[in-house]
Amino acid sequence: MKSLRNESSLERLILRLAVASIWLDAGVFNKLLNPGFLNAGSTSYIGFTVQYLAEGSPIRGFLYAVVFPHVYTVGVLVMIGEISFGVLTLLGLMSRLASTVALYTNLIYFLSAYWTGTEEYGINLLLMLLNLYLVVRGPGQLSLDSALSTRFKVLQNPTPWAIAGTVIYVIVILYLLIY
């Protein structure tokens, strides 16, 4: 039985590496190192992307009410979030929290991109499923969460992390609505 457990941990490590690489690529190469991402004069400006994605989206009102008034701030939050999701997933540290917040981020991307005909919706749907898997099953034995779980039992329970991630996401949205 022990070999099956190790195989499952290796599979989760491979899954985490794949998910982390996608997040790090998006956060570092497509945003942090892209000089146009936060530059309103650039064709790769986040504002143009959000405007394009809002067309026909079922969450168009949400995008106009929450994102457009704070496009720069949202761009910074997205960049920080994507890099954080990647690093935390790679390390297997606070995996369930990171995966919960990442799941909501992908849900927003999915609901925005799917109706515009962009191909990005597919990767967001896949990442939602993989993040949900990591929330429910955890990062596996080859992770910092596993190493710390003997000392911090709460790391083994997905419920508090899913609730905390949901609360964090709701607080950010409410802040943007009120700000």
Protein backbone atom coordinates (compact mmCIF):
# COMPACT_ATOMS: atom_id res chain seq x y z
CA MET A 1 0.00 0.00 0.00
CA LYS A 2 2.89 2.34 0.68
CA SER A 3 4.00 2.28 -2.98
CA LEU A 4 0.52 3.43 -4.07
CA ARG A 5 0.75 6.34 -1.64
CA ASN A 6 4.17 7.34 -3.02
CA GLU A 7 2.88 7.03 -6.59
CA SER A 8 -0.04 9.29 -5.73
CA SER A 9 2.35 11.83 -4.21
CA LEU A 10 4.54 11.74 -7.31
CA GLU A 11 1.47 12.28 -9.49
CA ARG A 12 0.42 15.24 -7.35
CA LEU A 13 3.93 16.66 -7.54
CA ILE A 14 3.82 16.43 -11.34
CA LEU A 15 0.36 18.02 -11.34
CA ARG A 16 1.60 20.83 -9.07
CA LEU A 17 4.63 21.42 -11.31
CA ALA A 18 2.38 21.70 -14.37
CA VAL A 19 -0.11 24.04 -12.67
CA ALA A 20 2.68 26.14 -11.14
CA SER A 21 4.42 26.50 -14.49
CA ILE A 22 1.23 27.79 -16.11
CA TRP A 23 0.70 30.35 -13.32
CA LEU A 24 4.33 31.47 -13.32
CA ASP A 25 4.38 31.82 -17.09
CA ALA A 26 1.21 33.93 -16.99
CA GLY A 27 2.30 36.05 -14.04
CA VAL A 28 5.98 36.56 -14.80
CA PHE A 29 6.33 36.44 -18.59
CA ASN A 30 2.91 37.71 -19.70
CA LYS A 31 2.51 40.37 -17.03
CA LEU A 32 5.54 41.27 -14.87
CA LEU A 33 8.03 41.26 -17.75
CA ASN A 34 5.54 42.71 -20.24
CA PRO A 35 6.13 46.49 -20.17
CA GLY A 36 2.77 47.10 -21.83
CA PHE A 37 0.62 45.16 -19.36
CA LEU A 38 0.10 48.14 -17.01
CA ASN A 39 0.76 50.84 -19.63
CA ALA A 40 -2.43 52.46 -20.91
CA GLY A 41 -0.64 53.48 -24.13
CA SER A 42 0.20 49.90 -25.08
CA THR A 43 -1.79 47.45 -27.16
CA SER A 44 -1.14 44.77 -24.50
CA TYR A 45 -2.64 46.94 -21.74
CA ILE A 46 -4.87 45.05 -19.32
CA GLY A 47 -7.65 47.58 -19.88
CA PHE A 48 -7.95 46.59 -23.54
CA THR A 49 -8.01 42.94 -22.60
CA VAL A 50 -10.76 43.45 -20.03
CA GLN A 51 -12.77 45.56 -22.44
CA TYR A 52 -12.51 42.88 -25.12
CA LEU A 53 -13.40 40.10 -22.68
CA ALA A 54 -16.41 42.02 -21.34
CA GLU A 55 -18.09 41.99 -24.73
CA GLY A 56 -20.78 39.34 -24.63
CA SER A 57 -19.69 38.02 -21.26
CA PRO A 58 -22.39 36.99 -18.78
CA ILE A 59 -20.42 38.87 -16.12
CA ARG A 60 -20.13 42.05 -18.15
CA GLY A 61 -21.83 44.13 -15.43
CA PHE A 62 -19.39 42.77 -12.85
CA LEU A 63 -16.41 43.63 -15.07
CA TYR A 64 -17.69 47.16 -15.66
CA ALA A 65 -18.56 47.75 -11.98
CA VAL A 66 -15.54 46.13 -10.33
CA VAL A 67 -12.67 45.95 -12.80
CA PHE A 68 -12.91 48.99 -15.11
CA PRO A 69 -12.84 51.64 -12.39
CA HIS A 70 -9.66 50.03 -11.03
CA VAL A 71 -7.99 48.47 -14.05
CA TYR A 72 -4.44 49.28 -12.91
CA THR A 73 -5.05 47.97 -9.38
CA VAL A 74 -6.70 44.82 -10.71
CA GLY A 75 -3.76 44.35 -13.09
CA VAL A 76 -1.32 44.52 -10.19
CA LEU A 77 -3.49 42.16 -8.11
CA VAL A 78 -3.72 39.68 -10.99
CA MET A 79 0.04 39.79 -11.52
CA ILE A 80 0.78 39.29 -7.80
CA GLY A 81 -1.89 36.59 -7.58
CA GLU A 82 -0.65 34.59 -10.54
CA ILE A 83 2.95 34.68 -9.34
CA SER A 84 1.86 33.78 -5.80
CA PHE A 85 -0.31 30.91 -7.04
CA GLY A 86 2.65 29.61 -9.01
CA VAL A 87 5.20 29.84 -6.20
CA LEU A 88 2.88 28.44 -3.52
CA THR A 89 1.69 25.60 -5.76
CA LEU A 90 5.26 24.77 -6.74
CA LEU A 91 6.35 24.58 -3.11
CA GLY A 92 3.17 22.89 -1.95
CA LEU A 93 2.83 25.61 0.70
CA MET A 94 -0.64 26.80 1.72
CA SER A 95 -1.71 24.84 -1.34
CA ARG A 96 -5.38 24.65 -0.52
CA LEU A 97 -5.65 28.39 0.12
CA ALA A 98 -3.74 29.28 -3.05
CA SER A 99 -5.74 26.79 -5.10
CA THR A 100 -9.05 28.16 -3.79
CA VAL A 101 -8.19 31.75 -4.72
CA ALA A 102 -6.75 30.55 -8.04
CA LEU A 103 -9.98 28.66 -8.75
CA TYR A 104 -12.01 31.86 -8.37
CA THR A 105 -9.54 33.76 -10.53
CA ASN A 106 -9.90 31.14 -13.26
CA LEU A 107 -13.67 31.23 -12.91
CA ILE A 108 -13.65 34.98 -13.63
CA TYR A 109 -11.32 34.44 -16.61
CA PHE A 110 -13.45 31.56 -17.87
CA LEU A 111 -16.72 33.50 -17.60
CA SER A 112 -15.07 36.42 -19.39
CA ALA A 113 -13.23 34.60 -22.16
CA TYR A 114 -15.59 31.78 -23.12
CA TRP A 115 -18.22 33.98 -24.78
CA THR A 116 -15.73 36.05 -26.75
CA GLY A 117 -14.47 33.06 -28.69
CA THR A 118 -10.92 33.34 -27.36
CA GLU A 119 -9.07 30.11 -26.83
CA GLU A 120 -8.05 31.08 -23.29
CA TYR A 121 -11.25 29.66 -21.84
CA GLY A 122 -9.95 26.10 -22.27
CA ILE A 123 -6.88 26.56 -20.09
CA ASN A 124 -8.99 28.33 -17.47
CA LEU A 125 -11.50 25.50 -17.35
CA LEU A 126 -8.68 22.97 -17.00
CA LEU A 127 -6.99 25.03 -14.26
CA MET A 128 -10.30 25.33 -12.38
CA LEU A 129 -10.59 21.54 -12.31
CA LEU A 130 -6.95 21.05 -11.30
CA ASN A 131 -7.20 23.70 -8.59
CA LEU A 132 -10.37 22.09 -7.27
CA TYR A 133 -8.53 18.76 -7.16
CA LEU A 134 -5.67 20.35 -5.17
CA VAL A 135 -8.14 21.96 -2.74
CA VAL A 136 -9.89 18.64 -2.09
CA ARG A 137 -6.93 16.23 -2.20
CA GLY A 138 -4.08 18.49 -1.09
CA PRO A 139 -0.58 18.80 -2.51
CA GLY A 140 0.63 15.30 -1.61
CA GLN A 141 3.49 14.10 0.56
CA LEU A 142 6.20 15.81 -1.51
CA SER A 143 5.24 19.29 -0.33
CA LEU A 144 5.94 21.78 2.42
CA ASP A 145 2.33 21.43 3.58
CA SER A 146 2.95 17.74 4.19
CA ALA A 147 6.17 18.45 6.08
CA LEU A 148 4.39 21.03 8.24
CA SER A 149 1.17 19.07 8.71
CA THR A 150 2.49 17.12 11.68
CA ARG A 151 2.89 20.41 13.52
CA PHE A 152 -0.13 22.20 12.02
CA LYS A 153 -3.02 19.75 11.66
CA VAL A 154 -5.21 22.40 10.01
CA LEU A 155 -3.16 21.97 6.84
CA GLN A 156 -4.78 18.55 6.37
CA ASN A 157 -8.37 19.84 6.34
CA PRO A 158 -9.56 21.48 3.09
CA THR A 159 -12.59 23.23 4.61
CA PRO A 160 -10.93 26.10 6.51
CA TRP A 161 -8.66 26.83 3.54
CA ALA A 162 -11.55 26.85 1.07
CA ILE A 163 -13.48 29.18 3.38
CA ALA A 164 -10.45 31.46 3.89
CA GLY A 165 -9.78 31.62 0.14
CA THR A 166 -13.42 32.46 -0.53
CA VAL A 167 -13.39 35.18 2.13
CA ILE A 168 -10.19 36.68 0.71
CA TYR A 169 -11.68 36.78 -2.78
CA VAL A 170 -14.93 38.34 -1.56
CA ILE A 171 -13.04 40.97 0.49
CA VAL A 172 -10.98 41.99 -2.55
CA ILE A 173 -14.12 42.31 -4.70
CA LEU A 174 -15.94 44.31 -2.01
CA TYR A 175 -12.92 46.56 -1.58
CA LEU A 176 -12.89 47.25 -5.32
CA LEU A 177 -16.64 47.96 -5.29
CA ILE A 178 -16.36 50.39 -2.38
CA TYR A 179 -12.99 51.95 -3.24
